[in-house]
Amino acid sequence: MAQVVRKEVLREFLAHEIRELGRIKQALNLAEHIPAIDNLVLAVVPVSQGDPQQVASALKGALRDSDVIFPGENYLLLLMPGTDSMGALHLLEGLADFTGEDFRSFVYATYPEDGESPEELVSDLRRKARARLGLELT
């Protein structure tokens, strides 16, 4: 079951997760690319019907224990550690199937491809959300 956390601590969560990914890879002395260790995804899903906090509470059972939901004003941010771009598509499309048509629109940024720091990742996600969803992330 995913955790629901205030979006004000998103950057701290991202920084922690990025450091944790590096620590695990180094501790295991791995050179090859392993998505479960090398990647994380930050996604945004608009919420046009209902209160995002209530929607987040309803969705947390549909996501993995490692996932974190950050409710915004009219959207949800989803932090999905150990997930690459293909995994994000699979999880987000599954979420759309679970919830219905309202969740068919989403964008995401993948670490490290779209940003190697919390600031870069959030900036890329903001740009995509504005361009593809017409959504301003605050």
N, C-alpha and C. Protein backbone atom coordinates (compact mmCIF):
# COMPACT_ATOMS: atom_id res chain seq x y z
N MET A 1 0.84 -1.17 0.00
CA MET A 1 0.00 0.00 0.00
C MET A 1 0.90 1.24 0.00
N ALA A 2 0.68 2.12 -0.95
CA ALA A 2 1.46 3.35 -1.08
C ALA A 2 1.20 4.27 0.11
N GLN A 3 2.14 5.16 0.33
CA GLN A 3 2.00 6.17 1.37
C GLN A 3 1.49 7.46 0.76
N VAL A 4 0.69 8.22 1.48
CA VAL A 4 0.23 9.54 1.05
C VAL A 4 0.95 10.55 1.93
N VAL A 5 1.67 11.49 1.28
CA VAL A 5 2.52 12.43 1.98
C VAL A 5 2.29 13.83 1.43
N ARG A 6 2.45 14.85 2.27
CA ARG A 6 2.31 16.24 1.82
C ARG A 6 3.32 16.56 0.72
N LYS A 7 2.87 17.25 -0.32
CA LYS A 7 3.76 17.55 -1.45
C LYS A 7 4.88 18.51 -1.08
N GLU A 8 4.76 19.19 0.05
CA GLU A 8 5.80 20.12 0.49
C GLU A 8 7.12 19.41 0.78
N VAL A 9 7.09 18.11 1.00
CA VAL A 9 8.33 17.37 1.28
C VAL A 9 8.81 16.55 0.08
N LEU A 10 8.24 16.82 -1.09
CA LEU A 10 8.60 16.06 -2.29
C LEU A 10 10.10 16.10 -2.57
N ARG A 11 10.70 17.28 -2.57
CA ARG A 11 12.13 17.38 -2.89
C ARG A 11 13.00 16.58 -1.92
N GLU A 12 12.64 16.60 -0.65
CA GLU A 12 13.39 15.82 0.33
C GLU A 12 13.25 14.32 0.06
N PHE A 13 12.05 13.88 -0.29
CA PHE A 13 11.85 12.48 -0.65
C PHE A 13 12.68 12.12 -1.88
N LEU A 14 12.63 12.97 -2.90
CA LEU A 14 13.40 12.71 -4.12
C LEU A 14 14.89 12.61 -3.82
N ALA A 15 15.40 13.56 -3.06
CA ALA A 15 16.83 13.55 -2.72
C ALA A 15 17.19 12.27 -1.98
N HIS A 16 16.35 11.87 -1.03
CA HIS A 16 16.59 10.64 -0.28
C HIS A 16 16.59 9.43 -1.20
N GLU A 17 15.60 9.33 -2.07
CA GLU A 17 15.50 8.17 -2.96
C GLU A 17 16.68 8.10 -3.93
N ILE A 18 17.11 9.24 -4.45
CA ILE A 18 18.25 9.25 -5.38
C ILE A 18 19.51 8.80 -4.66
N ARG A 19 19.73 9.29 -3.44
CA ARG A 19 20.90 8.85 -2.66
C ARG A 19 20.81 7.36 -2.36
N GLU A 20 19.62 6.89 -2.04
CA GLU A 20 19.42 5.48 -1.71
C GLU A 20 19.72 4.58 -2.92
N LEU A 21 19.29 5.00 -4.10
CA LEU A 21 19.58 4.22 -5.31
C LEU A 21 21.09 4.08 -5.52
N GLY A 22 21.81 5.19 -5.36
CA GLY A 22 23.26 5.15 -5.50
C GLY A 22 23.93 4.29 -4.45
N ARG A 23 23.46 4.37 -3.22
CA ARG A 23 24.03 3.59 -2.13
C ARG A 23 23.84 2.09 -2.36
N ILE A 24 22.66 1.71 -2.80
CA ILE A 24 22.37 0.29 -3.04
C ILE A 24 23.26 -0.24 -4.16
N LYS A 25 23.36 0.52 -5.25
CA LYS A 25 24.18 0.08 -6.38
C LYS A 25 25.64 -0.08 -5.96
N GLN A 26 26.12 0.89 -5.20
CA GLN A 26 27.52 0.82 -4.74
C GLN A 26 27.72 -0.34 -3.77
N ALA A 27 26.79 -0.54 -2.84
CA ALA A 27 26.92 -1.61 -1.86
C ALA A 27 26.92 -2.99 -2.53
N LEU A 28 26.16 -3.12 -3.61
CA LEU A 28 26.11 -4.39 -4.33
C LEU A 28 27.21 -4.51 -5.37
N ASN A 29 27.99 -3.44 -5.56
CA ASN A 29 29.10 -3.41 -6.51
C ASN A 29 28.64 -3.84 -7.90
N LEU A 30 27.55 -3.20 -8.37
CA LEU A 30 26.97 -3.55 -9.67
C LEU A 30 27.40 -2.55 -10.74
N ALA A 31 27.82 -3.06 -11.87
CA ALA A 31 28.19 -2.20 -12.99
C ALA A 31 27.09 -2.14 -14.04
N GLU A 32 26.32 -3.21 -14.19
CA GLU A 32 25.30 -3.26 -15.23
C GLU A 32 24.06 -2.44 -14.84
N HIS A 33 23.28 -2.10 -15.85
CA HIS A 33 22.06 -1.33 -15.63
C HIS A 33 20.95 -2.26 -15.16
N ILE A 34 20.38 -1.94 -14.01
CA ILE A 34 19.26 -2.69 -13.45
C ILE A 34 18.19 -1.67 -13.09
N PRO A 35 17.07 -1.62 -13.84
CA PRO A 35 16.05 -0.60 -13.59
C PRO A 35 15.58 -0.51 -12.14
N ALA A 36 15.47 -1.63 -11.46
CA ALA A 36 14.98 -1.61 -10.08
C ALA A 36 15.95 -0.90 -9.14
N ILE A 37 17.18 -0.72 -9.57
CA ILE A 37 18.18 -0.05 -8.75
C ILE A 37 18.55 1.31 -9.34
N ASP A 38 18.53 1.44 -10.65
CA ASP A 38 19.03 2.64 -11.32
C ASP A 38 17.99 3.72 -11.55
N ASN A 39 16.72 3.41 -11.49
CA ASN A 39 15.71 4.36 -11.93
C ASN A 39 14.68 4.67 -10.86
N LEU A 40 14.05 5.82 -11.04
CA LEU A 40 12.82 6.15 -10.35
C LEU A 40 12.02 7.07 -11.26
N VAL A 41 10.73 7.11 -11.04
CA VAL A 41 9.84 7.92 -11.86
C VAL A 41 9.05 8.86 -10.96
N LEU A 42 8.92 10.09 -11.43
CA LEU A 42 8.03 11.06 -10.81
C LEU A 42 6.97 11.39 -11.86
N ALA A 43 5.72 11.11 -11.53
CA ALA A 43 4.62 11.29 -12.47
C ALA A 43 3.59 12.26 -11.91
N VAL A 44 2.85 12.89 -12.83
CA VAL A 44 1.73 13.73 -12.43
C VAL A 44 0.48 13.25 -13.16
N VAL A 45 -0.60 13.14 -12.40
CA VAL A 45 -1.90 12.73 -12.93
C VAL A 45 -2.91 13.81 -12.53
N PRO A 46 -3.54 14.47 -13.51
CA PRO A 46 -4.55 15.48 -13.16
C PRO A 46 -5.75 14.83 -12.46
N VAL A 47 -6.34 15.56 -11.54
CA VAL A 47 -7.56 15.13 -10.86
C VAL A 47 -8.61 16.19 -11.15
N SER A 48 -9.56 15.85 -12.03
CA SER A 48 -10.58 16.82 -12.40
C SER A 48 -11.88 16.63 -11.62
N GLN A 49 -12.03 15.46 -11.02
CA GLN A 49 -13.24 15.18 -10.25
C GLN A 49 -12.84 14.72 -8.86
N GLY A 50 -13.33 15.39 -7.85
CA GLY A 50 -13.05 14.99 -6.48
C GLY A 50 -11.86 15.71 -5.88
N ASP A 51 -11.71 15.53 -4.59
CA ASP A 51 -10.62 16.12 -3.84
C ASP A 51 -9.37 15.25 -4.00
N PRO A 52 -8.23 15.83 -4.43
CA PRO A 52 -7.02 15.02 -4.63
C PRO A 52 -6.60 14.22 -3.39
N GLN A 53 -6.80 14.76 -2.20
CA GLN A 53 -6.45 14.03 -0.97
C GLN A 53 -7.31 12.77 -0.84
N GLN A 54 -8.60 12.87 -1.11
CA GLN A 54 -9.49 11.72 -1.04
C GLN A 54 -9.18 10.71 -2.14
N VAL A 55 -8.87 11.22 -3.33
CA VAL A 55 -8.51 10.33 -4.44
C VAL A 55 -7.23 9.57 -4.09
N ALA A 56 -6.25 10.27 -3.51
CA ALA A 56 -4.99 9.64 -3.11
C ALA A 56 -5.25 8.53 -2.09
N SER A 57 -6.09 8.80 -1.12
CA SER A 57 -6.41 7.80 -0.10
C SER A 57 -7.07 6.58 -0.72
N ALA A 58 -7.92 6.80 -1.70
CA ALA A 58 -8.59 5.68 -2.37
C ALA A 58 -7.63 4.88 -3.24
N LEU A 59 -6.60 5.52 -3.78
CA LEU A 59 -5.67 4.84 -4.69
C LEU A 59 -4.53 4.12 -4.00
N LYS A 60 -4.24 4.46 -2.77
CA LYS A 60 -3.02 3.94 -2.16
C LYS A 60 -2.97 2.41 -2.11
N GLY A 61 -4.11 1.76 -2.03
CA GLY A 61 -4.13 0.30 -2.05
C GLY A 61 -3.85 -0.30 -3.41
N ALA A 62 -3.99 0.51 -4.48
CA ALA A 62 -3.76 0.02 -5.83
C ALA A 62 -2.31 0.16 -6.26
N LEU A 63 -1.50 0.86 -5.46
CA LEU A 63 -0.09 1.06 -5.80
C LEU A 63 0.80 0.20 -4.91
N ARG A 64 2.07 0.18 -5.23
CA ARG A 64 3.03 -0.64 -4.50
C ARG A 64 3.40 -0.01 -3.16
N ASP A 65 3.90 -0.81 -2.25
CA ASP A 65 4.33 -0.32 -0.94
C ASP A 65 5.42 0.74 -1.06
N SER A 66 6.25 0.64 -2.07
CA SER A 66 7.37 1.58 -2.23
C SER A 66 6.94 2.91 -2.84
N ASP A 67 5.74 2.99 -3.39
CA ASP A 67 5.28 4.22 -4.05
C ASP A 67 4.78 5.24 -3.03
N VAL A 68 4.91 6.52 -3.41
CA VAL A 68 4.47 7.60 -2.55
C VAL A 68 3.59 8.53 -3.38
N ILE A 69 2.45 8.93 -2.81
CA ILE A 69 1.50 9.83 -3.47
C ILE A 69 1.56 11.18 -2.77
N PHE A 70 1.73 12.24 -3.56
CA PHE A 70 1.75 13.60 -3.05
C PHE A 70 0.57 14.35 -3.67
N PRO A 71 -0.53 14.54 -2.92
CA PRO A 71 -1.67 15.27 -3.47
C PRO A 71 -1.35 16.76 -3.66
N GLY A 72 -1.73 17.30 -4.82
CA GLY A 72 -1.61 18.72 -5.11
C GLY A 72 -2.99 19.35 -5.15
N GLU A 73 -3.06 20.56 -5.70
CA GLU A 73 -4.34 21.27 -5.74
C GLU A 73 -5.35 20.58 -6.66
N ASN A 74 -4.92 20.20 -7.86
CA ASN A 74 -5.81 19.53 -8.81
C ASN A 74 -5.08 18.40 -9.54
N TYR A 75 -4.17 17.79 -8.82
CA TYR A 75 -3.37 16.71 -9.40
C TYR A 75 -2.79 15.85 -8.28
N LEU A 76 -2.25 14.70 -8.70
CA LEU A 76 -1.48 13.84 -7.81
C LEU A 76 -0.09 13.70 -8.39
N LEU A 77 0.91 13.79 -7.54
CA LEU A 77 2.27 13.44 -7.92
C LEU A 77 2.53 12.05 -7.38
N LEU A 78 3.13 11.20 -8.21
CA LEU A 78 3.43 9.83 -7.81
C LEU A 78 4.93 9.62 -7.91
N LEU A 79 5.55 9.20 -6.83
CA LEU A 79 6.96 8.84 -6.82
C LEU A 79 7.03 7.33 -6.82
N MET A 80 7.67 6.78 -7.87
CA MET A 80 7.73 5.33 -8.04
C MET A 80 9.18 4.87 -8.13
N PRO A 81 9.79 4.54 -6.98
CA PRO A 81 11.18 4.07 -6.98
C PRO A 81 11.31 2.73 -7.69
N GLY A 82 12.49 2.51 -8.26
CA GLY A 82 12.75 1.23 -8.92
C GLY A 82 11.93 1.03 -10.18
N THR A 83 11.57 2.14 -10.82
CA THR A 83 10.72 2.08 -12.02
C THR A 83 11.38 2.84 -13.15
N ASP A 84 11.42 2.24 -14.34
CA ASP A 84 11.93 2.93 -15.52
C ASP A 84 10.75 3.41 -16.36
N SER A 85 11.02 3.95 -17.55
CA SER A 85 9.95 4.49 -18.40
C SER A 85 8.90 3.45 -18.77
N MET A 86 9.33 2.26 -19.14
CA MET A 86 8.38 1.21 -19.50
C MET A 86 7.56 0.78 -18.29
N GLY A 87 8.19 0.68 -17.14
CA GLY A 87 7.47 0.34 -15.92
C GLY A 87 6.46 1.41 -15.55
N ALA A 88 6.84 2.68 -15.77
CA ALA A 88 5.93 3.78 -15.49
C ALA A 88 4.69 3.69 -16.37
N LEU A 89 4.90 3.45 -17.65
CA LEU A 89 3.75 3.30 -18.55
C LEU A 89 2.84 2.17 -18.09
N HIS A 90 3.44 1.06 -17.74
CA HIS A 90 2.66 -0.10 -17.28
C HIS A 90 1.86 0.25 -16.02
N LEU A 91 2.52 0.85 -15.03
CA LEU A 91 1.84 1.20 -13.78
C LEU A 91 0.76 2.26 -13.98
N LEU A 92 1.07 3.30 -14.76
CA LEU A 92 0.11 4.39 -14.95
C LEU A 92 -1.08 3.96 -15.81
N GLU A 93 -0.83 3.14 -16.81
CA GLU A 93 -1.95 2.62 -17.60
C GLU A 93 -2.81 1.67 -16.77
N GLY A 94 -2.17 0.89 -15.91
CA GLY A 94 -2.92 0.03 -15.01
C GLY A 94 -3.76 0.83 -14.03
N LEU A 95 -3.19 1.93 -13.56
CA LEU A 95 -3.93 2.83 -12.68
C LEU A 95 -5.13 3.42 -13.40
N ALA A 96 -4.94 3.78 -14.66
CA ALA A 96 -6.06 4.32 -15.46
C ALA A 96 -7.14 3.26 -15.65
N ASP A 97 -6.75 2.02 -15.88
CA ASP A 97 -7.73 0.94 -16.00
C ASP A 97 -8.49 0.73 -14.69
N PHE A 98 -7.78 0.87 -13.59
CA PHE A 98 -8.38 0.67 -12.27
C PHE A 98 -9.35 1.79 -11.92
N THR A 99 -9.00 3.03 -12.28
CA THR A 99 -9.78 4.18 -11.84
C THR A 99 -10.79 4.68 -12.85
N GLY A 100 -10.58 4.38 -14.11
CA GLY A 100 -11.49 4.88 -15.13
C GLY A 100 -10.88 5.98 -15.96
N GLU A 101 -11.70 6.60 -16.75
CA GLU A 101 -11.25 7.55 -17.77
C GLU A 101 -10.52 8.77 -17.23
N ASP A 102 -10.83 9.20 -16.02
CA ASP A 102 -10.23 10.42 -15.48
C ASP A 102 -8.71 10.35 -15.40
N PHE A 103 -8.13 9.17 -15.31
CA PHE A 103 -6.69 9.03 -15.14
C PHE A 103 -5.96 8.63 -16.42
N ARG A 104 -6.57 8.85 -17.56
CA ARG A 104 -5.93 8.50 -18.84
C ARG A 104 -4.83 9.48 -19.23
N SER A 105 -4.85 10.68 -18.65
CA SER A 105 -3.82 11.68 -18.96
C SER A 105 -2.78 11.68 -17.85
N PHE A 106 -1.53 11.59 -18.23
CA PHE A 106 -0.44 11.65 -17.26
C PHE A 106 0.85 11.98 -18.01
N VAL A 107 1.80 12.49 -17.27
CA VAL A 107 3.16 12.66 -17.78
C VAL A 107 4.10 12.24 -16.66
N TYR A 108 5.33 11.93 -17.02
CA TYR A 108 6.29 11.52 -16.01
C TYR A 108 7.70 11.90 -16.43
N ALA A 109 8.58 11.94 -15.45
CA ALA A 109 10.00 12.17 -15.65
C ALA A 109 10.73 11.01 -14.99
N THR A 110 11.76 10.52 -15.66
CA THR A 110 12.51 9.36 -15.18
C THR A 110 13.92 9.76 -14.77
N TYR A 111 14.32 9.33 -13.59
CA TYR A 111 15.70 9.49 -13.13
C TYR A 111 16.50 8.31 -13.63
N PRO A 112 17.66 8.50 -14.20
CA PRO A 112 18.40 9.73 -14.40
C PRO A 112 18.24 10.36 -15.79
N GLU A 113 17.45 9.73 -16.66
CA GLU A 113 17.35 10.20 -18.05
C GLU A 113 16.84 11.64 -18.15
N ASP A 114 15.83 11.99 -17.37
CA ASP A 114 15.21 13.31 -17.48
C ASP A 114 15.72 14.30 -16.43
N GLY A 115 16.57 13.85 -15.56
CA GLY A 115 17.14 14.71 -14.53
C GLY A 115 17.93 13.89 -13.54
N GLU A 116 19.09 14.42 -13.14
CA GLU A 116 19.94 13.70 -12.20
C GLU A 116 19.87 14.26 -10.79
N SER A 117 19.06 15.27 -10.59
CA SER A 117 18.85 15.84 -9.25
C SER A 117 17.36 16.07 -9.06
N PRO A 118 16.94 16.25 -7.81
CA PRO A 118 15.51 16.54 -7.59
C PRO A 118 15.06 17.78 -8.36
N GLU A 119 15.89 18.81 -8.40
CA GLU A 119 15.52 20.04 -9.10
C GLU A 119 15.33 19.80 -10.60
N GLU A 120 16.26 19.06 -11.21
CA GLU A 120 16.17 18.77 -12.64
C GLU A 120 14.94 17.91 -12.95
N LEU A 121 14.68 16.93 -12.11
CA LEU A 121 13.54 16.04 -12.33
C LEU A 121 12.22 16.80 -12.21
N VAL A 122 12.08 17.62 -11.19
CA VAL A 122 10.86 18.41 -11.01
C VAL A 122 10.70 19.41 -12.14
N SER A 123 11.80 20.03 -12.55
CA SER A 123 11.74 21.00 -13.65
C SER A 123 11.27 20.33 -14.95
N ASP A 124 11.79 19.15 -15.24
CA ASP A 124 11.37 18.43 -16.44
C ASP A 124 9.90 18.05 -16.36
N LEU A 125 9.47 17.60 -15.19
CA LEU A 125 8.06 17.23 -15.02
C LEU A 125 7.16 18.46 -15.17
N ARG A 126 7.57 19.58 -14.61
CA ARG A 126 6.77 20.82 -14.75
C ARG A 126 6.63 21.20 -16.22
N ARG A 127 7.72 21.13 -16.95
CA ARG A 127 7.69 21.48 -18.38
C ARG A 127 6.74 20.56 -19.14
N LYS A 128 6.82 19.27 -18.88
CA LYS A 128 5.95 18.30 -19.56
C LYS A 128 4.49 18.50 -19.16
N ALA A 129 4.23 18.76 -17.88
CA ALA A 129 2.85 18.94 -17.41
C ALA A 129 2.23 20.18 -18.06
N ARG A 130 3.02 21.23 -18.19
CA ARG A 130 2.52 22.46 -18.82
C ARG A 130 2.26 22.22 -20.30
N ALA A 131 3.20 21.59 -20.99
CA ALA A 131 3.09 21.40 -22.43
C ALA A 131 2.03 20.38 -22.82
N ARG A 132 1.96 19.27 -22.13
CA ARG A 132 1.08 18.17 -22.54
C ARG A 132 -0.29 18.15 -21.86
N LEU A 133 -0.33 18.70 -20.63
CA LEU A 133 -1.58 18.63 -19.87
C LEU A 133 -2.19 20.02 -19.60
N GLY A 134 -1.42 21.08 -19.91
CA GLY A 134 -1.88 22.43 -19.59
C GLY A 134 -2.00 22.63 -18.09
N LEU A 135 -1.16 21.95 -17.33
CA LEU A 135 -1.23 21.92 -15.87
C LEU A 135 -0.01 22.62 -15.29
N GLU A 136 -0.25 23.57 -14.39
CA GLU A 136 0.83 24.25 -13.68
C GLU A 136 1.05 23.56 -12.33
N LEU A 137 2.23 23.00 -12.14
CA LEU A 137 2.54 22.37 -10.87
C LEU A 137 3.06 23.43 -9.91
N THR A 138 2.51 23.45 -8.73
CA THR A 138 2.94 24.43 -7.73
C THR A 138 3.69 23.78 -6.61
